[in-house]
Amino acid sequence: MGGSGSLRLGTIFGISVQLHWSAGIIALLLGANLAAAVGWPAALVGVLAFLASILAHELAHALVARRFGVGTESIQLWALGGVARLDRAAPTARADGWIAAAGPIASVAAGAVAIVAWWSLGAGSGGSIVAMLGWIGAINALLALFNLLPGAPLDGGRILRAVRWAVHGDRHRASHEAGRAGVILGWTIAGVGFGLILSDHSGIWLIVTGLFITMNARVEIEAALAARRLAGVTVRDLTWFGVAEAGVDMDADSMLWQRQRLGDAGGVAVTHDGTLQGFVLEDQLWAVPEADRPWVLLTQLMVPAERVARARLDDELADVLPGLDPRRPLVTVWEGDRLIGMVPPRRLLERLRQAGV
């Protein structure tokens, strides 16, 4: 299983792909609607192609990000689409723009392939699979157009941020501007949905989508303000050098008896045959009931290594925050492929509090 109600489907190009339970519900509802028109076999093809289209969209973001030195921790498919979780902010406005544009470009390409296949096989032939090809072409076109709307957190908002960043040179200001555009866009979409309901039409999904955009745009505005307050703070400033290691057979009780090995790092790396498996925070160890600690292995508590934020010493702290899991605020510090330290969660949270984050 993945985290937060997600099923881990596997990896593509080294990127973990997860399916959230909400995506499963949407897939069932979509399949039922399609099946009423073309039957279940063709509907199943349509649903799988739809999920594949979203995955292709997010993979495009991830692969272009990799081209600019930005890693992707995971891709999650869920009810309102998908999200590629990047491990850091884009280094330049140009990189930011291309990473954002890659998803819609992939959707347009997928839609074009489907439309060409639909046309080549006889657009009006009446075959259910042929009809699904036309539907996939149209849905990808709509996916691209929707994502190009100019407001965060949509891809169009990212492109707007990149353009504004390139114009005035202030990334944080550009993020704030894209977030404000997202708030306006979200309320506009929700308003259209409400108007449709008043006119006895279906508009609930527009309201949900608009509110989702608005809430996430507000989060981006707050993140931009926080990043401005943290300007100039690097990962090096907060790093604890050296990380204690423990094997997969280590239990929570034994690890606490060896607490002095952790120093002030606030966590321990779990390894097996020299391969890093994950990390366990000290707070997780203390949270285990005392009577249970001898029977709870670190592997039962650890956060898999691929889901922990990674950083270099000279990275700006604000650039690392997008890849941080707020439930387990751990940043690991690397020199190439070598783990050299970590940012203790307590030290990180204290610095964020000082910045008013």
Protein backbone atom coordinates (compact mmCIF):
# COMPACT_ATOMS: atom_id res chain seq x y z
CA MET A 1 0.00 0.00 0.00
CA GLY A 2 1.02 3.59 -0.53
CA GLY A 3 0.39 6.33 1.98
CA SER A 4 -2.89 8.06 2.87
CA GLY A 5 -5.30 5.52 1.41
CA SER A 6 -3.37 4.85 -1.78
CA LEU A 7 -2.54 1.59 -3.51
CA ARG A 8 0.98 1.41 -4.89
CA LEU A 9 0.77 0.23 -8.50
CA GLY A 10 4.50 0.01 -9.16
CA THR A 11 7.20 2.24 -10.60
CA ILE A 12 7.70 3.83 -14.01
CA PHE A 13 11.07 5.36 -14.85
CA GLY A 14 11.94 4.93 -11.20
CA ILE A 15 8.90 6.92 -10.02
CA SER A 16 6.41 5.37 -7.61
CA VAL A 17 2.85 5.36 -9.00
CA GLN A 18 -0.07 5.26 -6.56
CA LEU A 19 -3.83 4.99 -6.99
CA HIS A 20 -5.91 6.81 -4.37
CA TRP A 21 -9.18 5.18 -3.30
CA SER A 22 -11.11 8.21 -4.61
CA ALA A 23 -9.84 7.48 -8.14
CA GLY A 24 -11.31 3.99 -7.85
CA ILE A 25 -14.74 5.41 -7.04
CA ILE A 26 -14.56 7.82 -9.98
CA ALA A 27 -13.44 4.97 -12.24
CA LEU A 28 -16.48 2.90 -11.22
CA LEU A 29 -18.89 5.80 -11.77
CA LEU A 30 -17.33 6.62 -15.12
CA GLY A 31 -17.37 2.97 -16.15
CA ALA A 32 -21.06 2.64 -15.27
CA ASN A 33 -21.95 5.71 -17.33
CA LEU A 34 -19.91 4.54 -20.33
CA ALA A 35 -21.24 0.98 -20.07
CA ALA A 36 -24.79 2.26 -20.45
CA ALA A 37 -23.82 3.61 -23.87
CA VAL A 38 -21.23 1.15 -25.24
CA GLY A 39 -21.27 -1.92 -22.95
CA TRP A 40 -18.86 -3.00 -20.24
CA PRO A 41 -15.98 -4.33 -22.42
CA ALA A 42 -15.59 -1.03 -24.27
CA ALA A 43 -16.28 0.92 -21.05
CA LEU A 44 -13.43 -0.92 -19.32
CA VAL A 45 -11.12 0.04 -22.19
CA GLY A 46 -12.28 3.64 -21.85
CA VAL A 47 -11.70 3.79 -18.10
CA LEU A 48 -8.22 2.26 -18.36
CA ALA A 49 -7.35 4.61 -21.21
CA PHE A 50 -8.60 7.56 -19.16
CA LEU A 51 -6.39 6.62 -16.19
CA ALA A 52 -3.48 6.02 -18.57
CA SER A 53 -4.03 9.50 -20.02
CA ILE A 54 -3.80 11.09 -16.58
CA LEU A 55 -0.70 9.04 -15.83
CA ALA A 56 0.90 10.14 -19.12
CA HIS A 57 0.10 13.77 -18.25
CA GLU A 58 1.83 13.48 -14.85
CA LEU A 59 4.75 11.48 -16.24
CA ALA A 60 5.39 14.27 -18.71
CA HIS A 61 5.69 16.71 -15.81
CA ALA A 62 8.02 14.32 -13.98
CA LEU A 63 10.32 13.54 -16.90
CA VAL A 64 10.72 17.17 -17.94
CA ALA A 65 11.35 18.06 -14.29
CA ARG A 66 14.09 15.43 -14.21
CA ARG A 67 15.63 17.08 -17.27
CA PHE A 68 16.00 20.26 -15.18
CA GLY A 69 17.43 18.46 -12.14
CA VAL A 70 14.17 18.21 -10.18
CA GLY A 71 13.23 14.76 -8.92
CA THR A 72 9.74 13.29 -8.53
CA GLU A 73 8.97 11.38 -5.35
CA SER A 74 5.69 9.88 -6.56
CA ILE A 75 2.72 10.20 -8.88
CA GLN A 76 -0.73 9.82 -7.38
CA LEU A 77 -3.93 9.32 -9.37
CA TRP A 78 -7.03 10.48 -7.52
CA ALA A 79 -10.58 11.73 -7.98
CA LEU A 80 -9.81 15.08 -9.62
CA GLY A 81 -6.91 13.91 -11.78
CA GLY A 82 -3.35 13.32 -10.72
CA VAL A 83 -0.40 14.96 -9.04
CA ALA A 84 3.34 14.53 -9.55
CA ARG A 85 5.01 15.25 -6.22
CA LEU A 86 8.27 17.05 -7.07
CA ASP A 87 11.05 17.02 -4.48
CA ARG A 88 11.98 20.67 -4.92
CA ALA A 89 10.99 23.87 -6.70
CA ALA A 90 12.12 24.51 -10.27
CA PRO A 91 15.51 26.26 -10.40
CA THR A 92 14.61 28.84 -13.07
CA ALA A 93 11.58 30.46 -14.66
CA ARG A 94 12.33 28.63 -17.90
CA ALA A 95 12.40 25.26 -16.10
CA ASP A 96 9.20 26.12 -14.24
CA GLY A 97 7.41 26.94 -17.47
CA TRP A 98 8.50 23.84 -19.35
CA ILE A 99 7.70 21.52 -16.44
CA ALA A 100 4.20 23.01 -16.25
CA ALA A 101 3.61 22.93 -20.01
CA ALA A 102 4.74 19.31 -20.38
CA GLY A 103 1.49 17.87 -18.99
CA PRO A 104 -0.92 19.66 -21.35
CA ILE A 105 1.42 18.94 -24.28
CA ALA A 106 1.27 15.23 -23.42
CA SER A 107 -2.53 15.38 -23.18
CA VAL A 108 -2.78 17.07 -26.57
CA ALA A 109 -0.47 14.44 -28.09
CA ALA A 110 -2.47 11.56 -26.57
CA GLY A 111 -5.72 13.14 -27.76
CA ALA A 112 -4.37 13.62 -31.26
CA VAL A 113 -3.28 9.97 -31.49
CA ALA A 114 -6.72 8.82 -30.33
CA ILE A 115 -8.55 11.11 -32.77
CA VAL A 116 -6.39 9.98 -35.70
CA ALA A 117 -7.04 6.33 -34.78
CA TRP A 118 -10.78 7.05 -34.42
CA TRP A 119 -10.88 8.69 -37.84
CA SER A 120 -8.76 6.01 -39.52
CA LEU A 121 -10.97 3.20 -38.21
CA GLY A 122 -14.16 4.85 -39.39
CA ALA A 123 -15.43 7.63 -37.18
CA GLY A 124 -19.08 6.91 -37.82
CA SER A 125 -18.87 3.12 -38.01
CA GLY A 126 -20.80 2.67 -34.79
CA GLY A 127 -18.28 0.25 -33.26
CA SER A 128 -18.00 0.59 -29.48
CA ILE A 129 -14.18 0.50 -29.39
CA VAL A 130 -14.01 3.07 -32.19
CA ALA A 131 -16.43 5.25 -30.23
CA MET A 132 -14.15 4.95 -27.18
CA LEU A 133 -11.21 6.18 -29.25
CA GLY A 134 -13.17 9.30 -30.15
CA TRP A 135 -14.15 9.77 -26.51
CA ILE A 136 -10.51 9.41 -25.33
CA GLY A 137 -9.44 11.98 -27.92
CA ALA A 138 -12.06 14.44 -26.71
CA ILE A 139 -11.39 13.85 -23.02
CA ASN A 140 -7.66 14.47 -23.49
CA ALA A 141 -8.38 17.69 -25.36
CA LEU A 142 -10.63 18.83 -22.51
CA LEU A 143 -8.01 17.77 -19.95
CA ALA A 144 -5.40 19.91 -21.71
CA LEU A 145 -7.71 22.93 -22.03
CA PHE A 146 -8.85 22.74 -18.42
CA ASN A 147 -5.29 22.47 -17.10
CA LEU A 148 -4.24 25.49 -19.14
CA LEU A 149 -6.67 27.78 -17.29
CA PRO A 150 -4.49 30.58 -15.83
CA GLY A 151 -4.56 30.02 -12.10
CA ALA A 152 -2.68 27.95 -9.51
CA PRO A 153 -2.68 25.04 -8.84
CA LEU A 154 -3.47 24.23 -12.49
CA ASP A 155 -0.72 23.95 -15.08
CA GLY A 156 -1.87 27.22 -16.59
CA GLY A 157 -1.22 28.83 -13.22
CA ARG A 158 2.29 27.37 -13.19
CA ILE A 159 2.89 28.77 -16.67
CA LEU A 160 1.57 32.15 -15.49
CA ARG A 161 3.97 31.98 -12.54
CA ALA A 162 6.89 31.20 -14.84
CA VAL A 163 6.02 34.10 -17.13
CA ARG A 164 5.68 36.57 -14.27
CA TRP A 165 8.89 35.23 -12.69
CA ALA A 166 10.72 35.81 -15.98
CA VAL A 167 9.27 39.34 -16.27
CA HIS A 168 10.12 40.75 -12.84
CA GLY A 169 12.61 38.18 -11.51
CA ASP A 170 10.87 37.54 -8.19
CA ARG A 171 9.76 33.90 -7.88
CA HIS A 172 7.89 34.41 -4.61
CA ARG A 173 5.96 37.36 -5.97
CA ALA A 174 5.14 35.33 -9.10
CA SER A 175 3.84 32.45 -6.97
CA HIS A 176 1.68 34.87 -5.01
CA GLU A 177 0.28 36.32 -8.24
CA ALA A 178 -0.51 32.86 -9.64
CA GLY A 179 -2.21 31.96 -6.37
CA ARG A 180 -4.40 35.06 -6.46
CA ALA A 181 -5.36 34.22 -10.05
CA GLY A 182 -6.24 30.71 -8.86
CA VAL A 183 -8.56 32.05 -6.16
CA ILE A 184 -10.41 34.17 -8.73
CA LEU A 185 -10.55 31.25 -11.17
CA GLY A 186 -11.81 28.82 -8.53
CA TRP A 187 -14.62 31.09 -7.36
CA THR A 188 -15.58 31.74 -10.98
CA ILE A 189 -15.87 28.02 -11.74
CA ALA A 190 -17.84 27.41 -8.53
CA GLY A 191 -20.12 30.32 -9.43
CA VAL A 192 -20.82 28.85 -12.86
CA GLY A 193 -21.68 25.53 -11.22
CA PHE A 194 -24.03 27.23 -8.77
CA GLY A 195 -25.69 29.08 -11.65
CA LEU A 196 -26.25 25.81 -13.48
CA ILE A 197 -27.92 24.31 -10.41
CA LEU A 198 -30.24 27.32 -10.16
CA SER A 199 -31.13 26.70 -13.82
CA ASP A 200 -32.02 23.07 -13.05
CA HIS A 201 -28.83 21.72 -14.60
CA SER A 202 -26.08 19.59 -13.08
CA GLY A 203 -23.31 21.79 -11.67
CA ILE A 204 -22.16 20.02 -8.50
CA TRP A 205 -18.85 18.89 -10.02
CA LEU A 206 -18.06 22.43 -11.12
CA ILE A 207 -18.69 23.65 -7.58
CA VAL A 208 -16.46 20.92 -6.10
CA THR A 209 -13.73 21.61 -8.65
CA GLY A 210 -13.92 25.37 -8.13
CA LEU A 211 -13.69 25.05 -4.35
CA PHE A 212 -10.77 22.64 -4.71
CA ILE A 213 -8.91 25.15 -6.91
CA THR A 214 -9.68 28.00 -4.50
CA MET A 215 -8.47 26.12 -1.41
CA ASN A 216 -5.26 24.98 -3.08
CA ALA A 217 -4.63 28.44 -4.51
CA ARG A 218 -4.86 29.87 -0.98
CA VAL A 219 -2.36 27.24 0.18
CA GLU A 220 0.01 28.35 -2.59
CA ILE A 221 -0.34 31.99 -1.53
CA GLU A 222 0.59 31.05 2.04
CA ALA A 223 3.50 28.96 0.75
CA ALA A 224 4.76 31.92 -1.29
CA LEU A 225 4.65 34.17 1.78
CA ALA A 226 6.47 31.52 3.83
CA ALA A 227 9.13 31.09 1.15
CA ARG A 228 9.78 34.83 1.14
CA ARG A 229 10.31 34.81 4.91
CA LEU A 230 12.76 31.90 4.54
CA ALA A 231 14.77 33.53 1.75
CA GLY A 232 18.49 33.04 2.33
CA VAL A 233 18.11 30.06 4.70
CA THR A 234 19.87 26.99 3.28
CA VAL A 235 19.65 23.33 4.20
CA ARG A 236 23.25 23.54 5.41
CA ASP A 237 22.17 25.96 8.15
CA LEU A 238 19.99 23.29 9.79
CA THR A 239 21.76 20.02 8.94
CA TRP A 240 22.89 17.50 11.55
CA PHE A 241 25.80 15.68 9.95
CA GLY A 242 25.87 11.91 10.34
CA VAL A 243 22.85 9.62 10.60
CA ALA A 244 22.63 6.58 12.88
CA GLU A 245 21.83 3.31 11.12
CA ALA A 246 19.96 0.23 12.31
CA GLY A 247 19.11 -3.11 10.70
CA VAL A 248 15.68 -4.38 9.78
CA ASP A 249 15.68 -6.63 12.86
CA MET A 250 15.97 -3.73 15.30
CA ASP A 251 12.95 -3.16 17.55
CA ALA A 252 11.69 0.13 18.99
CA ASP A 253 12.68 -0.74 22.59
CA SER A 254 16.28 -1.58 21.67
CA MET A 255 16.57 1.57 19.58
CA LEU A 256 15.44 3.73 22.50
CA TRP A 257 17.98 2.01 24.75
CA GLN A 258 20.55 3.14 22.20
CA ARG A 259 19.07 6.63 22.03
CA GLN A 260 22.50 8.28 22.40
CA ARG A 261 23.41 7.01 18.91
CA LEU A 262 20.82 9.34 17.41
CA GLY A 263 22.40 12.49 18.78
CA ASP A 264 20.18 15.45 17.91
CA ALA A 265 19.33 14.10 14.45
CA GLY A 266 15.84 13.09 15.54
CA GLY A 267 15.79 9.93 13.47
CA VAL A 268 17.52 6.74 12.37
CA ALA A 269 18.12 5.22 8.94
CA VAL A 270 16.95 1.61 8.49
CA THR A 271 19.21 -0.44 6.21
CA HIS A 272 19.38 -4.00 4.93
CA ASP A 273 22.56 -5.44 3.41
CA GLY A 274 23.87 -1.91 2.97
CA THR A 275 20.74 -0.72 1.15
CA LEU A 276 18.72 2.12 2.61
CA GLN A 277 15.14 1.06 3.35
CA GLY A 278 13.64 3.99 5.18
CA PHE A 279 13.73 6.30 8.19
CA VAL A 280 12.16 6.25 11.64
CA LEU A 281 11.75 9.43 13.67
CA GLU A 282 12.47 9.43 17.38
CA ASP A 283 8.98 10.72 18.09
CA GLN A 284 7.58 7.61 16.39
CA LEU A 285 9.59 5.41 18.77
CA TRP A 286 8.30 7.20 21.87
CA ALA A 287 4.74 7.03 20.52
CA VAL A 288 4.75 3.22 20.69
CA PRO A 289 3.22 2.00 24.01
CA GLU A 290 6.02 0.92 26.34
CA ALA A 291 4.73 -2.65 26.65
CA ASP A 292 4.67 -3.05 22.87
CA ARG A 293 8.10 -1.61 22.05
CA PRO A 294 10.06 -4.90 22.23
CA TRP A 295 7.72 -6.40 19.61
CA VAL A 296 7.54 -3.49 17.18
CA LEU A 297 10.27 -3.50 14.53
CA LEU A 298 11.60 -0.33 12.96
CA THR A 299 10.40 -1.63 9.58
CA GLN A 300 6.84 -1.37 10.90
CA LEU A 301 7.32 2.30 11.72
CA MET A 302 9.63 3.53 8.99
CA VAL A 303 8.83 5.92 6.20
CA PRO A 304 10.10 4.33 2.94
CA ALA A 305 13.23 6.08 1.67
CA GLU A 306 11.59 7.13 -1.60
CA ARG A 307 8.94 9.10 0.31
CA VAL A 308 11.36 11.21 2.36
CA ALA A 309 12.34 14.70 1.18
CA ARG A 310 15.89 14.85 -0.20
CA ALA A 311 18.09 17.93 -0.38
CA ARG A 312 21.61 19.13 -1.06
CA LEU A 313 23.53 21.27 1.41
CA ASP A 314 23.30 24.46 -0.60
CA ASP A 315 19.61 24.11 -1.49
CA GLU A 316 17.36 26.91 -0.29
CA LEU A 317 15.16 25.59 2.50
CA ALA A 318 12.10 27.13 0.82
CA ASP A 319 12.81 25.08 -2.33
CA VAL A 320 12.75 21.83 -0.35
CA LEU A 321 9.47 22.45 1.48
CA PRO A 322 7.18 21.39 -1.43
CA GLY A 323 8.51 17.83 -1.12
CA LEU A 324 8.04 17.69 2.65
CA ASP A 325 5.47 15.43 4.31
CA PRO A 326 3.90 17.67 7.00
CA ARG A 327 3.04 14.63 9.11
CA ARG A 328 6.71 13.58 9.27
CA PRO A 329 8.77 16.70 8.54
CA LEU A 330 12.07 15.01 7.76
CA VAL A 331 14.62 16.26 5.25
CA THR A 332 17.54 14.00 4.36
CA VAL A 333 20.74 15.61 3.09
CA TRP A 334 22.76 14.05 0.28
CA GLU A 335 26.05 14.55 -1.49
CA GLY A 336 25.53 12.80 -4.79
CA ASP A 337 24.24 9.33 -3.87
CA ARG A 338 25.69 9.45 -0.35
CA LEU A 339 23.56 10.25 2.69
CA ILE A 340 25.55 12.73 4.78
CA GLY A 341 23.02 14.03 7.27
CA MET A 342 19.50 15.10 8.00
CA VAL A 343 17.59 18.15 9.14
CA PRO A 344 16.20 17.29 12.59
CA PRO A 345 12.42 17.77 12.59
CA ARG A 346 12.53 19.81 15.80
CA ARG A 347 15.16 22.14 14.36
CA LEU A 348 13.18 22.51 11.14
CA LEU A 349 9.88 23.22 12.89
CA GLU A 350 11.53 25.76 15.18
CA ARG A 351 12.99 27.59 12.18
CA LEU A 352 9.58 27.56 10.45
CA ARG A 353 7.94 28.95 13.60
CA GLN A 354 10.51 31.73 13.74
CA ALA A 355 9.61 32.60 10.15
CA GLY A 356 5.93 32.61 11.05
CA VAL A 357 5.19 29.61 8.81
